[in-house]
Amino acid sequence: MTKEEKNISNGAESILVAEYEYIAQTAFQAHEDRARVTTFYLVSVGSLFGAFLGVQNIESVDTFAYIVLAGLFLFLSAFGLLTLLQLARLRKAWFSSTSAMNHIKEFISKRNNGFEKAFLWNNESLPDLYKKESVAYLMALQVSMLGAITFGAMIFYASLAFNQKLEITPSLFIVALLGGLIFLKLQMNLYLKELTQKK
């Protein structure tokens, strides 16, 4: 490599610095957006969960109220699914930004001996997109668990709405619980698929 190739002109250096700063800001923004999206979902579910607590005497509620509650919890389940998809996309955006930053670091390191020692992360040492120990995974699991609860509540109220003679028994709770657990598994499978599928 010639001396001329090693030296980056001032204009090119400014472009590299600006590009790196932009990518770093994008990675930071994706991380911040994950927190905002999760907080918004948690607050929304918490606020709307008041509908569940508002029905004090469940045995005196009419069919229409059960349908409304089932619809509300179905909406919250769908809202949770959309939130989960947003979290997956934001994780991918962060990963893409971090990869781009590493590309610039590698470019500079090749032209400046010893520079690579200053950087802990490179594209080979980046954490996996789908990493169960990561905060991103735990946020997705938290959203999925709430989605599973709302889906189970939807099954519970829909069962009461469409079967007038249905009594509130342990088996009804078990069916709602199983429905919620299945929905939890489906959501986490979707999260994994979103993060591991190729473009």
Protein backbone atom coordinates (compact mmCIF):
# COMPACT_ATOMS: atom_id res chain seq x y z
CA MET A 1 0.00 0.00 0.00
CA THR A 2 1.49 3.35 -1.01
CA LYS A 3 1.79 6.34 1.25
CA GLU A 4 -0.79 8.09 -0.89
CA GLU A 5 -3.29 5.28 -0.30
CA LYS A 6 -2.69 5.39 3.44
CA ASN A 7 -3.37 9.08 3.71
CA ILE A 8 -6.99 10.09 3.66
CA SER A 9 -7.60 13.60 2.41
CA ASN A 10 -9.18 16.14 4.75
CA GLY A 11 -12.40 16.11 2.73
CA ALA A 12 -12.65 12.33 2.82
CA GLU A 13 -11.81 12.32 6.52
CA SER A 14 -14.63 14.79 7.19
CA ILE A 15 -17.04 12.58 5.27
CA LEU A 16 -15.94 9.54 7.29
CA VAL A 17 -16.38 11.39 10.58
CA ALA A 18 -19.81 12.69 9.56
CA GLU A 19 -20.89 9.24 8.37
CA TYR A 20 -19.69 7.59 11.58
CA GLU A 21 -21.46 10.17 13.75
CA TYR A 22 -24.67 9.75 11.75
CA ILE A 23 -24.54 5.96 12.07
CA ALA A 24 -23.76 6.20 15.80
CA GLN A 25 -26.77 8.50 16.23
CA THR A 26 -28.95 6.07 14.27
CA ALA A 27 -27.87 3.17 16.51
CA PHE A 28 -28.56 5.25 19.61
CA GLN A 29 -31.97 6.28 18.26
CA ALA A 30 -32.95 2.67 17.53
CA HIS A 31 -32.01 1.75 21.10
CA GLU A 32 -34.00 4.67 22.53
CA ASP A 33 -37.00 3.89 20.33
CA ARG A 34 -37.10 0.33 21.68
CA ALA A 35 -37.46 1.72 25.19
CA ARG A 36 -40.14 4.21 24.10
CA VAL A 37 -42.16 1.62 22.19
CA THR A 38 -42.11 -0.78 25.14
CA THR A 39 -43.03 1.92 27.65
CA PHE A 40 -45.89 3.13 25.46
CA TYR A 41 -47.24 -0.41 25.20
CA LEU A 42 -46.95 -1.05 28.93
CA VAL A 43 -48.73 2.21 29.79
CA SER A 44 -51.44 1.56 27.20
CA VAL A 45 -52.10 -1.96 28.44
CA GLY A 46 -52.04 -0.81 32.05
CA SER A 47 -54.56 1.93 31.32
CA LEU A 48 -56.88 -0.28 29.33
CA PHE A 49 -56.60 -3.13 31.81
CA GLY A 50 -58.79 -0.94 34.02
CA ALA A 51 -61.70 -2.25 31.97
CA PHE A 52 -61.04 -5.68 33.42
CA LEU A 53 -60.97 -4.34 36.96
CA GLY A 54 -64.04 -2.21 36.26
CA VAL A 55 -66.18 -5.32 36.01
CA GLN A 56 -66.52 -5.98 39.72
CA ASN A 57 -69.33 -8.53 39.66
CA ILE A 58 -68.67 -10.65 36.60
CA GLU A 59 -71.81 -12.76 37.08
CA SER A 60 -74.18 -9.82 36.62
CA VAL A 61 -72.64 -8.61 33.35
CA ASP A 62 -74.65 -8.99 30.14
CA THR A 63 -73.52 -10.55 26.86
CA PHE A 64 -72.79 -7.21 25.20
CA ALA A 65 -70.32 -6.28 27.94
CA TYR A 66 -68.55 -9.62 27.47
CA ILE A 67 -68.31 -8.97 23.72
CA VAL A 68 -66.90 -5.48 24.35
CA LEU A 69 -64.34 -6.85 26.80
CA ALA A 70 -63.38 -9.67 24.41
CA GLY A 71 -62.96 -7.09 21.63
CA LEU A 72 -60.87 -4.85 23.87
CA PHE A 73 -58.54 -7.68 24.83
CA LEU A 74 -58.30 -8.83 21.20
CA PHE A 75 -57.28 -5.27 20.28
CA LEU A 76 -54.65 -5.25 23.05
CA SER A 77 -53.31 -8.61 21.82
CA ALA A 78 -52.99 -7.26 18.27
CA PHE A 79 -51.40 -4.07 19.64
CA GLY A 80 -48.87 -6.22 21.50
CA LEU A 81 -48.08 -8.16 18.33
CA LEU A 82 -47.42 -4.92 16.45
CA THR A 83 -45.23 -3.70 19.32
CA LEU A 84 -43.26 -6.95 19.15
CA LEU A 85 -42.71 -6.50 15.40
CA GLN A 86 -41.51 -2.94 16.04
CA LEU A 87 -39.05 -4.21 18.64
CA ALA A 88 -37.69 -6.77 16.16
CA ARG A 89 -37.27 -4.12 13.46
CA LEU A 90 -35.59 -1.71 15.87
CA ARG A 91 -33.19 -4.45 16.97
CA LYS A 92 -32.32 -5.06 13.31
CA ALA A 93 -31.85 -1.32 12.74
CA TRP A 94 -29.47 -1.11 15.71
CA PHE A 95 -27.55 -4.14 14.44
CA SER A 96 -27.31 -2.68 10.94
CA SER A 97 -26.03 0.64 12.30
CA THR A 98 -23.47 -1.10 14.48
CA SER A 99 -22.27 -3.17 11.51
CA ALA A 100 -21.90 0.02 9.46
CA MET A 101 -19.87 1.63 12.25
CA ASN A 102 -17.63 -1.44 12.34
CA HIS A 103 -17.14 -1.21 8.58
CA ILE A 104 -15.82 2.34 8.97
CA LYS A 105 -13.59 1.28 11.88
CA GLU A 106 -12.16 -1.56 9.77
CA PHE A 107 -11.56 0.82 6.87
CA ILE A 108 -9.63 3.22 9.10
CA SER A 109 -7.75 0.39 10.87
CA LYS A 110 -6.47 -0.99 7.56
CA ARG A 111 -4.92 2.37 6.80
CA ASN A 112 -3.55 2.97 10.30
CA ASN A 113 -1.57 0.13 11.90
CA GLY A 114 -2.56 -0.69 15.46
CA PHE A 115 -5.88 1.15 15.32
CA GLU A 116 -7.87 -2.10 15.50
CA LYS A 117 -6.64 -2.60 19.08
CA ALA A 118 -8.64 0.46 20.16
CA PHE A 119 -11.96 -1.15 19.23
CA LEU A 120 -13.60 -3.86 21.29
CA TRP A 121 -16.29 -4.72 18.74
CA ASN A 122 -15.87 -5.70 15.15
CA ASN A 123 -18.29 -7.48 12.83
CA GLU A 124 -17.07 -10.88 14.04
CA SER A 125 -17.55 -10.04 17.73
CA LEU A 126 -20.95 -8.33 17.51
CA PRO A 127 -23.64 -9.94 19.68
CA ASP A 128 -26.18 -12.07 17.84
CA LEU A 129 -29.38 -10.44 16.69
CA TYR A 130 -31.37 -13.03 18.65
CA LYS A 131 -29.64 -13.28 22.01
CA LYS A 132 -31.67 -14.53 24.97
CA GLU A 133 -29.53 -12.68 27.51
CA SER A 134 -30.00 -9.30 25.83
CA VAL A 135 -32.19 -6.46 27.06
CA ALA A 136 -33.88 -6.45 23.63
CA TYR A 137 -34.94 -10.07 24.11
CA LEU A 138 -36.24 -9.39 27.61
CA MET A 139 -38.27 -6.42 26.35
CA ALA A 140 -39.75 -8.63 23.62
CA LEU A 141 -40.54 -11.32 26.19
CA GLN A 142 -42.20 -8.76 28.45
CA VAL A 143 -44.41 -7.49 25.62
CA SER A 144 -45.20 -11.08 24.58
CA MET A 145 -46.18 -12.06 28.12
CA LEU A 146 -48.59 -9.14 28.35
CA GLY A 147 -49.94 -10.07 24.93
CA ALA A 148 -50.46 -13.62 26.16
CA ILE A 149 -52.40 -12.35 29.19
CA THR A 150 -54.63 -10.15 27.04
CA PHE A 151 -55.18 -12.99 24.56
CA GLY A 152 -56.15 -15.33 27.40
CA ALA A 153 -58.54 -12.68 28.73
CA MET A 154 -60.05 -12.37 25.25
CA ILE A 155 -60.68 -16.14 25.15
CA PHE A 156 -62.22 -15.98 28.63
CA TYR A 157 -64.66 -13.16 27.79
CA ALA A 158 -65.44 -14.45 24.29
CA SER A 159 -66.34 -17.83 25.81
CA LEU A 160 -68.71 -16.14 28.26
CA ALA A 161 -70.21 -13.96 25.52
CA PHE A 162 -71.00 -16.76 23.09
CA ASN A 163 -72.23 -19.33 25.57
CA GLN A 164 -74.90 -17.86 27.83
CA LYS A 165 -75.04 -20.99 29.99
CA LEU A 166 -71.30 -21.23 30.46
CA GLU A 167 -70.34 -21.10 34.09
CA ILE A 168 -67.13 -19.65 35.39
CA THR A 169 -65.26 -22.80 36.28
CA PRO A 170 -61.61 -23.75 36.64
CA SER A 171 -61.75 -25.37 33.18
CA LEU A 172 -62.63 -21.99 31.62
CA PHE A 173 -59.57 -20.46 33.26
CA ILE A 174 -57.44 -23.39 32.07
CA VAL A 175 -58.62 -22.94 28.46
CA ALA A 176 -57.84 -19.20 28.66
CA LEU A 177 -54.43 -19.96 30.20
CA LEU A 178 -53.59 -22.50 27.49
CA GLY A 179 -54.68 -20.04 24.79
CA GLY A 180 -52.43 -17.39 26.34
CA LEU A 181 -49.46 -19.76 26.50
CA ILE A 182 -49.92 -20.78 22.86
CA PHE A 183 -50.08 -17.10 21.89
CA LEU A 184 -46.89 -16.44 23.89
CA LYS A 185 -45.08 -19.21 22.02
CA LEU A 186 -46.35 -17.96 18.65
CA GLN A 187 -45.20 -14.41 19.42
CA MET A 188 -41.71 -15.45 20.47
CA ASN A 189 -41.42 -17.68 17.38
CA LEU A 190 -42.41 -14.68 15.26
CA TYR A 191 -39.79 -12.52 17.02
CA LEU A 192 -37.13 -15.16 16.30
CA LYS A 193 -38.24 -15.43 12.66
CA GLU A 194 -38.15 -11.64 12.20
CA LEU A 195 -34.59 -11.47 13.50
CA THR A 196 -33.17 -14.49 11.70
CA GLN A 197 -34.76 -14.29 8.25
CA LYS A 198 -32.64 -12.98 5.43
CA LYS A 199 -33.78 -9.98 3.42
